Structures are given as C-alpha cells and as structure tokens.
Amino acid sequence: MKGDKVEIVIDVGGATKTYEVAATRAGRRVEVVTRRGLVEVTELTRGGVAVRTARFMASRVVALVEHPADRRSRAGAGNAGHPPERAG
C-alpha cells in the first residue's frame, strides 16, 4: 500500500549506508525476501509485477526496518460504520 517503506542499513567497511525502498503509488506494496545469501527488497504492483528491486548481500545487512503505512490515514477504507476518532 502507498506509504509502506523498508529501510536497509548496510555495512560498507567502517561506516554504514542507509537505503530506502517505498511503495510510491496507490496499490503498490513492498516485499522483502531473503535467499541464497541475498536480501531482496522489491516494490510490486497489485498484479505482482516488480517495479524496482534492491539486492544486498545478507552478510553486509546491519538492519532491515519495515515501516507499514498508517492504515488510519486512508479516508473511508476499512472503517465503514465507525466514526472518526476525535482528539481531546
């Protein structure tokens, strides 16, 4: 869903570098797969077509942080029959 993002922190020899892959449009999602010594982070369309993919050596990955989109910010989706929350 738009707003989903994954941050990947990589060891680059004495320092770290941070990369970010995010779902940039409505209906897209970010998927993380680990296999054969690689970590793949892919932005996918609704149909499962890869839009962009980032690949990292698993031995170099220091941290992988997934940030799901705030589901409450979507107007009208999934909250039918529930009044909006009020502050105060």
PDB file of N, CA and C in Angstrom:
ATOM      1  N   MET A   1       0.835  -1.167   0.000  1.00  0.00           N
ATOM      2  CA  MET A   1       0.000   0.000   0.000  1.00  0.00           C
ATOM      3  C   MET A   1       0.882   1.232   0.000  1.00  0.00           C
ATOM      4  N   LYS A   2       0.438   2.291  -0.646  1.00  0.00           N
ATOM      5  CA  LYS A   2       1.221   3.513  -0.707  1.00  0.00           C
ATOM      6  C   LYS A   2       1.573   3.953   0.703  1.00  0.00           C
ATOM      7  N   GLY A   3       2.824   4.289   0.922  1.00  0.00           N
ATOM      8  CA  GLY A   3       3.289   4.690   2.244  1.00  0.00           C
ATOM      9  C   GLY A   3       4.103   3.623   2.937  1.00  0.00           C
ATOM     10  N   ASP A   4       3.958   2.348   2.518  1.00  0.00           N
ATOM     11  CA  ASP A   4       4.811   1.288   3.063  1.00  0.00           C
ATOM     12  C   ASP A   4       6.247   1.583   2.650  1.00  0.00           C
ATOM     13  N   LYS A   5       7.185   1.368   3.554  1.00  0.00           N
ATOM     14  CA  LYS A   5       8.584   1.529   3.173  1.00  0.00           C
ATOM     15  C   LYS A   5       9.460   0.612   4.002  1.00  0.00           C
ATOM     16  N   VAL A   6      10.641   0.336   3.466  1.00  0.00           N
ATOM     17  CA  VAL A   6      11.629  -0.508   4.132  1.00  0.00           C
ATOM     18  C   VAL A   6      12.958   0.241   4.099  1.00  0.00           C
ATOM     19  N   GLU A   7      13.603   0.345   5.267  1.00  0.00           N
ATOM     20  CA  GLU A   7      14.931   0.937   5.359  1.00  0.00           C
ATOM     21  C   GLU A   7      15.934  -0.190   5.525  1.00  0.00           C
ATOM     22  N   ILE A   8      17.030  -0.119   4.774  1.00  0.00           N
ATOM     23  CA  ILE A   8      18.066  -1.132   4.836  1.00  0.00           C
ATOM     24  C   ILE A   8      19.373  -0.436   5.197  1.00  0.00           C
ATOM     25  N   VAL A   9      20.018  -0.881   6.284  1.00  0.00           N
ATOM     26  CA  VAL A   9      21.291  -0.313   6.703  1.00  0.00           C
ATOM     27  C   VAL A   9      22.374  -1.330   6.350  1.00  0.00           C
ATOM     28  N   ILE A  10      23.380  -0.874   5.592  1.00  0.00           N
ATOM     29  CA  ILE A  10      24.429  -1.741   5.062  1.00  0.00           C
ATOM     30  C   ILE A  10      25.781  -1.332   5.632  1.00  0.00           C
ATOM     31  N   ASP A  11      26.602  -2.327   6.002  1.00  0.00           N
ATOM     32  CA  ASP A  11      27.977  -2.088   6.437  1.00  0.00           C
ATOM     33  C   ASP A  11      28.830  -1.918   5.185  1.00  0.00           C
ATOM     34  N   VAL A  12      29.485  -0.757   5.071  1.00  0.00           N
ATOM     35  CA  VAL A  12      30.334  -0.505   3.912  1.00  0.00           C
ATOM     36  C   VAL A  12      31.804  -0.372   4.311  1.00  0.00           C
ATOM     37  N   GLY A  13      32.187  -1.081   5.368  1.00  0.00           N
ATOM     38  CA  GLY A  13      33.584  -1.085   5.797  1.00  0.00           C
ATOM     39  C   GLY A  13      33.941   0.141   6.613  1.00  0.00           C
ATOM     40  N   GLY A  14      33.661   0.109   7.890  1.00  0.00           N
ATOM     41  CA  GLY A  14      33.986   1.224   8.771  1.00  0.00           C
ATOM     42  C   GLY A  14      32.890   2.268   8.869  1.00  0.00           C
ATOM     43  N   ALA A  15      31.874   2.150   8.050  1.00  0.00           N
ATOM     44  CA  ALA A  15      30.746   3.089   8.076  1.00  0.00           C
ATOM     45  C   ALA A  15      29.487   2.325   7.672  1.00  0.00           C
ATOM     46  N   THR A  16      28.357   2.999   7.733  1.00  0.00           N
ATOM     47  CA  THR A  16      27.111   2.388   7.276  1.00  0.00           C
ATOM     48  C   THR A  16      26.451   3.292   6.248  1.00  0.00           C
ATOM     49  N   LYS A  17      25.659   2.693   5.410  1.00  0.00           N
ATOM     50  CA  LYS A  17      24.918   3.419   4.391  1.00  0.00           C
ATOM     51  C   LYS A  17      23.469   2.961   4.479  1.00  0.00           C
ATOM     52  N   THR A  18      22.527   3.888   4.381  1.00  0.00           N
ATOM     53  CA  THR A  18      21.115   3.565   4.510  1.00  0.00           C
ATOM     54  C   THR A  18      20.415   3.739   3.164  1.00  0.00           C
ATOM     55  N   TYR A  19      19.628   2.745   2.797  1.00  0.00           N
ATOM     56  CA  TYR A  19      18.823   2.781   1.581  1.00  0.00           C
ATOM     57  C   TYR A  19      17.361   2.670   1.976  1.00  0.00           C
ATOM     58  N   GLU A  20      16.486   3.179   1.145  1.00  0.00           N
ATOM     59  CA  GLU A  20      15.056   3.125   1.419  1.00  0.00           C
ATOM     60  C   GLU A  20      14.311   2.728   0.143  1.00  0.00           C
ATOM     61  N   VAL A  21      13.415   1.762   0.286  1.00  0.00           N
ATOM     62  CA  VAL A  21      12.528   1.362  -0.811  1.00  0.00           C
ATOM     63  C   VAL A  21      11.112   1.596  -0.308  1.00  0.00           C
ATOM     64  N   ALA A  22      10.321   2.351  -1.082  1.00  0.00           N
ATOM     65  CA  ALA A  22       8.973   2.702  -0.638  1.00  0.00           C
ATOM     66  C   ALA A  22       7.962   2.406  -1.735  1.00  0.00           C
ATOM     67  N   ALA A  23       6.723   2.137  -1.315  1.00  0.00           N
ATOM     68  CA  ALA A  23       5.613   1.985  -2.259  1.00  0.00           C
ATOM     69  C   ALA A  23       5.208   3.396  -2.669  1.00  0.00           C
ATOM     70  N   THR A  24       5.471   3.764  -3.907  1.00  0.00           N
ATOM     71  CA  THR A  24       5.324   5.148  -4.339  1.00  0.00           C
ATOM     72  C   THR A  24       3.944   5.512  -4.859  1.00  0.00           C
ATOM     73  N   ARG A  25       3.121   4.526  -5.190  1.00  0.00           N
ATOM     74  CA  ARG A  25       1.792   4.803  -5.731  1.00  0.00           C
ATOM     75  C   ARG A  25       0.757   3.932  -5.044  1.00  0.00           C
ATOM     76  N   ALA A  26      -0.499   4.350  -5.160  1.00  0.00           N
ATOM     77  CA  ALA A  26      -1.601   3.589  -4.566  1.00  0.00           C
ATOM     78  C   ALA A  26      -1.645   2.182  -5.157  1.00  0.00           C
ATOM     79  N   GLY A  27      -1.881   1.189  -4.313  1.00  0.00           N
ATOM     80  CA  GLY A  27      -1.980  -0.194  -4.767  1.00  0.00           C
ATOM     81  C   GLY A  27      -0.670  -0.932  -4.803  1.00  0.00           C
ATOM     82  N   ARG A  28       0.441  -0.248  -4.622  1.00  0.00           N
ATOM     83  CA  ARG A  28       1.738  -0.930  -4.621  1.00  0.00           C
ATOM     84  C   ARG A  28       2.117  -1.338  -3.212  1.00  0.00           C
ATOM     85  N   ARG A  29       3.003  -2.332  -3.124  1.00  0.00           N
ATOM     86  CA  ARG A  29       3.454  -2.819  -1.834  1.00  0.00           C
ATOM     87  C   ARG A  29       4.951  -3.115  -1.907  1.00  0.00           C
ATOM     88  N   VAL A  30       5.558  -3.257  -0.744  1.00  0.00           N
ATOM     89  CA  VAL A  30       6.981  -3.571  -0.663  1.00  0.00           C
ATOM     90  C   VAL A  30       7.119  -4.944  -0.037  1.00  0.00           C
ATOM     91  N   GLU A  31       7.915  -5.800  -0.662  1.00  0.00           N
ATOM     92  CA  GLU A  31       8.103  -7.171  -0.208  1.00  0.00           C
ATOM     93  C   GLU A  31       9.589  -7.428   0.033  1.00  0.00           C
ATOM     94  N   VAL A  32       9.896  -8.140   1.131  1.00  0.00           N
ATOM     95  CA  VAL A  32      11.279  -8.471   1.472  1.00  0.00           C
ATOM     96  C   VAL A  32      11.447  -9.981   1.394  1.00  0.00           C
ATOM     97  N   VAL A  33      12.491 -10.437   0.683  1.00  0.00           N
ATOM     98  CA  VAL A  33      12.773 -11.863   0.534  1.00  0.00           C
ATOM     99  C   VAL A  33      14.260 -12.084   0.806  1.00  0.00           C
ATOM    100  N   THR A  34      14.567 -13.116   1.600  1.00  0.00           N
ATOM    101  CA  THR A  34      15.957 -13.485   1.862  1.00  0.00           C
ATOM    102  C   THR A  34      16.191 -14.878   1.303  1.00  0.00           C
ATOM    103  N   ARG A  35      17.185 -15.009   0.421  1.00  0.00           N
ATOM    104  CA  ARG A  35      17.509 -16.317  -0.142  1.00  0.00           C
ATOM    105  C   ARG A  35      18.935 -16.336  -0.675  1.00  0.00           C
ATOM    106  N   ARG A  36      19.575 -17.453  -0.506  1.00  0.00           N
ATOM    107  CA  ARG A  36      20.919 -17.716  -1.031  1.00  0.00           C
ATOM    108  C   ARG A  36      21.913 -16.592  -0.758  1.00  0.00           C
ATOM    109  N   GLY A  37      21.896 -16.066   0.461  1.00  0.00           N
ATOM    110  CA  GLY A  37      22.874 -15.046   0.828  1.00  0.00           C
ATOM    111  C   GLY A  37      22.547 -13.645   0.358  1.00  0.00           C
ATOM    112  N   LEU A  38      21.354 -13.448  -0.198  1.00  0.00           N
ATOM    113  CA  LEU A  38      20.929 -12.125  -0.669  1.00  0.00           C
ATOM    114  C   LEU A  38      19.638 -11.700   0.022  1.00  0.00           C
ATOM    115  N   VAL A  39      19.521 -10.400   0.234  1.00  0.00           N
ATOM    116  CA  VAL A  39      18.274  -9.819   0.711  1.00  0.00           C
ATOM    117  C   VAL A  39      17.738  -8.987  -0.441  1.00  0.00           C
ATOM    118  N   GLU A  40      16.513  -9.302  -0.888  1.00  0.00           N
ATOM    119  CA  GLU A  40      15.871  -8.564  -1.974  1.00  0.00           C
ATOM    120  C   GLU A  40      14.695  -7.778  -1.424  1.00  0.00           C
ATOM    121  N   VAL A  41      14.653  -6.495  -1.729  1.00  0.00           N
ATOM    122  CA  VAL A  41      13.533  -5.644  -1.348  1.00  0.00           C
ATOM    123  C   VAL A  41      12.926  -5.149  -2.657  1.00  0.00           C
ATOM    124  N   THR A  42      11.642  -5.480  -2.882  1.00  0.00           N
ATOM    125  CA  THR A  42      11.001  -5.196  -4.166  1.00  0.00           C
ATOM    126  C   THR A  42       9.723  -4.413  -3.979  1.00  0.00           C
ATOM    127  N   GLU A  43       9.535  -3.401  -4.831  1.00  0.00           N
ATOM    128  CA  GLU A  43       8.265  -2.685  -4.897  1.00  0.00           C
ATOM    129  C   GLU A  43       7.433  -3.381  -5.973  1.00  0.00           C
ATOM    130  N   LEU A  44       6.222  -3.823  -5.593  1.00  0.00           N
ATOM    131  CA  LEU A  44       5.366  -4.595  -6.500  1.00  0.00           C
ATOM    132  C   LEU A  44       4.055  -3.865  -6.780  1.00  0.00           C
ATOM    133  N   THR A  45       3.514  -4.093  -7.974  1.00  0.00           N
ATOM    134  CA  THR A  45       2.192  -3.574  -8.308  1.00  0.00           C
ATOM    135  C   THR A  45       1.135  -4.524  -7.759  1.00  0.00           C
ATOM    136  N   ARG A  46      -0.127  -4.163  -7.919  1.00  0.00           N
ATOM    137  CA  ARG A  46      -1.219  -5.038  -7.456  1.00  0.00           C
ATOM    138  C   ARG A  46      -1.146  -6.404  -8.108  1.00  0.00           C
ATOM    139  N   GLY A  47      -0.746  -6.439  -9.357  1.00  0.00           N
ATOM    140  CA  GLY A  47      -0.664  -7.695 -10.095  1.00  0.00           C
ATOM    141  C   GLY A  47       0.585  -8.505  -9.815  1.00  0.00           C
ATOM    142  N   GLY A  48       1.489  -7.981  -8.990  1.00  0.00           N
ATOM    143  CA  GLY A  48       2.697  -8.721  -8.650  1.00  0.00           C
ATOM    144  C   GLY A  48       3.883  -8.448  -9.541  1.00  0.00           C
ATOM    145  N   VAL A  49       3.791  -7.448 -10.423  1.00  0.00           N
ATOM    146  CA  VAL A  49       4.900  -7.098 -11.308  1.00  0.00           C
ATOM    147  C   VAL A  49       5.886  -6.213 -10.551  1.00  0.00           C
ATOM    148  N   ALA A  50       7.160  -6.572 -10.601  1.00  0.00           N
ATOM    149  CA  ALA A  50       8.190  -5.802  -9.904  1.00  0.00           C
ATOM    150  C   ALA A  50       8.434  -4.477 -10.615  1.00  0.00           C
ATOM    151  N   VAL A  51       8.363  -3.388  -9.859  1.00  0.00           N
ATOM    152  CA  VAL A  51       8.629  -2.060 -10.399  1.00  0.00           C
ATOM    153  C   VAL A  51      10.103  -1.739 -10.238  1.00  0.00           C
ATOM    154  N   ARG A  52      10.627  -2.015  -9.050  1.00  0.00           N
ATOM    155  CA  ARG A  52      12.060  -1.859  -8.803  1.00  0.00           C
ATOM    156  C   ARG A  52      12.490  -2.809  -7.700  1.00  0.00           C
ATOM    157  N   THR A  53      13.740  -3.220  -7.778  1.00  0.00           N
ATOM    158  CA  THR A  53      14.268  -4.195  -6.834  1.00  0.00           C
ATOM    159  C   THR A  53      15.637  -3.738  -6.352  1.00  0.00           C
ATOM    160  N   ALA A  54      15.876  -3.868  -5.052  1.00  0.00           N
ATOM    161  CA  ALA A  54      17.201  -3.602  -4.470  1.00  0.00           C
ATOM    162  C   ALA A  54      17.707  -4.921  -3.903  1.00  0.00           C
ATOM    163  N   ARG A  55      18.955  -5.271  -4.212  1.00  0.00           N
ATOM    164  CA  ARG A  55      19.547  -6.514  -3.726  1.00  0.00           C
ATOM    165  C   ARG A  55      20.798  -6.197  -2.919  1.00  0.00           C
ATOM    166  N   PHE A  56      20.937  -6.874  -1.777  1.00  0.00           N
ATOM    167  CA  PHE A  56      22.070  -6.652  -0.891  1.00  0.00           C
ATOM    168  C   PHE A  56      22.601  -8.005  -0.419  1.00  0.00           C
ATOM    169  N   MET A  57      23.910  -8.086  -0.203  1.00  0.00           N
ATOM    170  CA  MET A  57      24.491  -9.288   0.379  1.00  0.00           C
ATOM    171  C   MET A  57      24.030  -9.382   1.828  1.00  0.00           C
ATOM    172  N   ALA A  58      23.485 -10.513   2.219  1.00  0.00           N
ATOM    173  CA  ALA A  58      22.949 -10.686   3.569  1.00  0.00           C
ATOM    174  C   ALA A  58      24.019 -10.470   4.637  1.00  0.00           C
ATOM    175  N   SER A  59      25.252 -10.819   4.349  1.00  0.00           N
ATOM    176  CA  SER A  59      26.325 -10.657   5.330  1.00  0.00           C
ATOM    177  C   SER A  59      26.650  -9.190   5.592  1.00  0.00           C
ATOM    178  N   ARG A  60      26.246  -8.287   4.709  1.00  0.00           N
ATOM    179  CA  ARG A  60      26.510  -6.854   4.863  1.00  0.00           C
ATOM    180  C   ARG A  60      25.347  -6.088   5.490  1.00  0.00           C
ATOM    181  N   VAL A  61      24.169  -6.725   5.591  1.00  0.00           N
ATOM    182  CA  VAL A  61      22.993  -6.053   6.134  1.00  0.00           C
ATOM    183  C   VAL A  61      23.118  -5.962   7.653  1.00  0.00           C
ATOM    184  N   VAL A  62      23.109  -4.730   8.166  1.00  0.00           N
ATOM    185  CA  VAL A  62      23.188  -4.483   9.603  1.00  0.00           C
ATOM    186  C   VAL A  62      21.783  -4.453  10.190  1.00  0.00           C
ATOM    187  N   ALA A  63      20.849  -3.788   9.497  1.00  0.00           N
ATOM    188  CA  ALA A  63      19.473  -3.683   9.979  1.00  0.00           C
ATOM    189  C   ALA A  63      18.531  -3.564   8.795  1.00  0.00           C
ATOM    190  N   LEU A  64      17.338  -4.100   8.988  1.00  0.00           N
ATOM    191  CA  LEU A  64      16.288  -4.005   7.989  1.00  0.00           C
ATOM    192  C   LEU A  64      15.011  -3.633   8.756  1.00  0.00           C
ATOM    193  N   VAL A  65      14.502  -2.447   8.514  1.00  0.00           N
ATOM    194  CA  VAL A  65      13.364  -1.929   9.272  1.00  0.00           C
ATOM    195  C   VAL A  65      12.191  -1.713   8.332  1.00  0.00           C
ATOM    196  N   GLU A  66      11.068  -2.379   8.633  1.00  0.00           N
ATOM    197  CA  GLU A  66       9.863  -2.213   7.831  1.00  0.00           C
ATOM    198  C   GLU A  66       8.949  -1.201   8.501  1.00  0.00           C
ATOM    199  N   HIS A  67       8.484  -0.233   7.719  1.00  0.00           N
ATOM    200  CA  HIS A  67       7.562   0.794   8.203  1.00  0.00           C
ATOM    201  C   HIS A  67       6.243   0.655   7.441  1.00  0.00           C
ATOM    202  N   PRO A  68       5.230   0.032   8.044  1.00  0.00           N
ATOM    203  CA  PRO A  68       3.946  -0.067   7.347  1.00  0.00           C
ATOM    204  C   PRO A  68       3.281   1.299   7.287  1.00  0.00           C
ATOM    205  N   ALA A  69       2.468   1.520   6.251  1.00  0.00           N
ATOM    206  CA  ALA A  69       1.726   2.771   6.112  1.00  0.00           C
ATOM    207  C   ALA A  69       0.709   2.878   7.228  1.00  0.00           C
ATOM    208  N   ASP A  70       0.388   4.084   7.609  1.00  0.00           N
ATOM    209  CA  ASP A  70      -0.618   4.322   8.641  1.00  0.00           C
ATOM    210  C   ASP A  70      -1.984   4.021   8.046  1.00  0.00           C
ATOM    211  N   ARG A  71      -2.576   2.910   8.441  1.00  0.00           N
ATOM    212  CA  ARG A  71      -3.858   2.473   7.881  1.00  0.00           C
ATOM    213  C   ARG A  71      -4.990   3.430   8.231  1.00  0.00           C
ATOM    214  N   ARG A  72      -4.877   4.168   9.332  1.00  0.00           N
ATOM    215  CA  ARG A  72      -5.939   5.085   9.744  1.00  0.00           C
ATOM    216  C   ARG A  72      -6.028   6.315   8.858  1.00  0.00           C
ATOM    217  N   SER A  73      -4.961   6.652   8.138  1.00  0.00           N
ATOM    218  CA  SER A  73      -4.958   7.869   7.329  1.00  0.00           C
ATOM    219  C   SER A  73      -5.745   7.715   6.034  1.00  0.00           C
ATOM    220  N   ARG A  74      -6.094   6.492   5.659  1.00  0.00           N
ATOM    221  CA  ARG A  74      -6.864   6.279   4.429  1.00  0.00           C
ATOM    222  C   ARG A  74      -8.318   6.628   4.683  1.00  0.00           C
ATOM    223  N   ALA A  75      -8.839   7.591   3.988  1.00  0.00           N
ATOM    224  CA  ALA A  75     -10.220   8.040   4.187  1.00  0.00           C
ATOM    225  C   ALA A  75     -11.194   7.003   3.660  1.00  0.00           C
ATOM    226  N   GLY A  76     -12.089   6.539   4.531  1.00  0.00           N
ATOM    227  CA  GLY A  76     -13.162   5.645   4.118  1.00  0.00           C
ATOM    228  C   GLY A  76     -12.791   4.197   3.908  1.00  0.00           C
ATOM    229  N   ALA A  77     -11.542   3.843   3.991  1.00  0.00           N
ATOM    230  CA  ALA A  77     -11.151   2.462   3.723  1.00  0.00           C
ATOM    231  C   ALA A  77     -11.081   1.668   5.012  1.00  0.00           C
ATOM    232  N   GLY A  78     -11.870   0.632   5.116  1.00  0.00           N
ATOM    233  CA  GLY A  78     -11.766  -0.287   6.241  1.00  0.00           C
ATOM    234  C   GLY A  78     -12.395   0.190   7.526  1.00  0.00           C
ATOM    235  N   ASN A  79     -13.017   1.368   7.548  1.00  0.00           N
ATOM    236  CA  ASN A  79     -13.607   1.843   8.799  1.00  0.00           C
ATOM    237  C   ASN A  79     -15.098   2.151   8.616  1.00  0.00           C
ATOM    238  N   ALA A  80     -15.738   1.435   7.740  1.00  0.00           N
ATOM    239  CA  ALA A  80     -17.159   1.671   7.483  1.00  0.00           C
ATOM    240  C   ALA A  80     -17.965   1.448   8.761  1.00  0.00           C
ATOM    241  N   GLY A  81     -18.814   2.421   9.066  1.00  0.00           N
ATOM    242  CA  GLY A  81     -19.654   2.320  10.238  1.00  0.00           C
ATOM    243  C   GLY A  81     -19.015   2.793  11.520  1.00  0.00           C
ATOM    244  N   HIS A  82     -17.763   3.200  11.462  1.00  0.00           N
ATOM    245  CA  HIS A  82     -17.077   3.695  12.642  1.00  0.00           C
ATOM    246  C   HIS A  82     -16.838   5.185  12.501  1.00  0.00           C
ATOM    247  N   PRO A  83     -17.218   5.986  13.493  1.00  0.00           N
ATOM    248  CA  PRO A  83     -16.977   7.433  13.405  1.00  0.00           C
ATOM    249  C   PRO A  83     -15.485   7.728  13.514  1.00  0.00           C
ATOM    250  N   PRO A  84     -15.054   8.846  12.945  1.00  0.00           N
ATOM    251  CA  PRO A  84     -13.624   9.196  13.056  1.00  0.00           C
ATOM    252  C   PRO A  84     -13.249   9.499  14.495  1.00  0.00           C
ATOM    253  N   GLU A  85     -11.990   9.228  14.827  1.00  0.00           N
ATOM    254  CA  GLU A  85     -11.519   9.477  16.180  1.00  0.00           C
ATOM    255  C   GLU A  85     -11.397  10.976  16.416  1.00  0.00           C
ATOM    256  N   ARG A  86     -11.723  11.399  17.628  1.00  0.00           N
ATOM    257  CA  ARG A  86     -11.632  12.817  17.969  1.00  0.00           C
ATOM    258  C   ARG A  86     -10.557  13.007  19.026  1.00  0.00           C
ATOM    259  N   ALA A  87      -9.799  14.075  18.879  1.00  0.00           N
ATOM    260  CA  ALA A  87      -8.778  14.401  19.875  1.00  0.00           C
ATOM    261  C   ALA A  87      -9.425  15.224  20.994  1.00  0.00           C
ATOM    262  N   GLY A  88      -9.006  14.962  22.199  1.00  0.00           N
ATOM    263  CA  GLY A  88      -9.454  15.811  23.286  1.00  0.00           C
ATOM    264  C   GLY A  88     -10.254  15.163  24.262  1.00  0.00           C
TER     265      GLY A  88
END
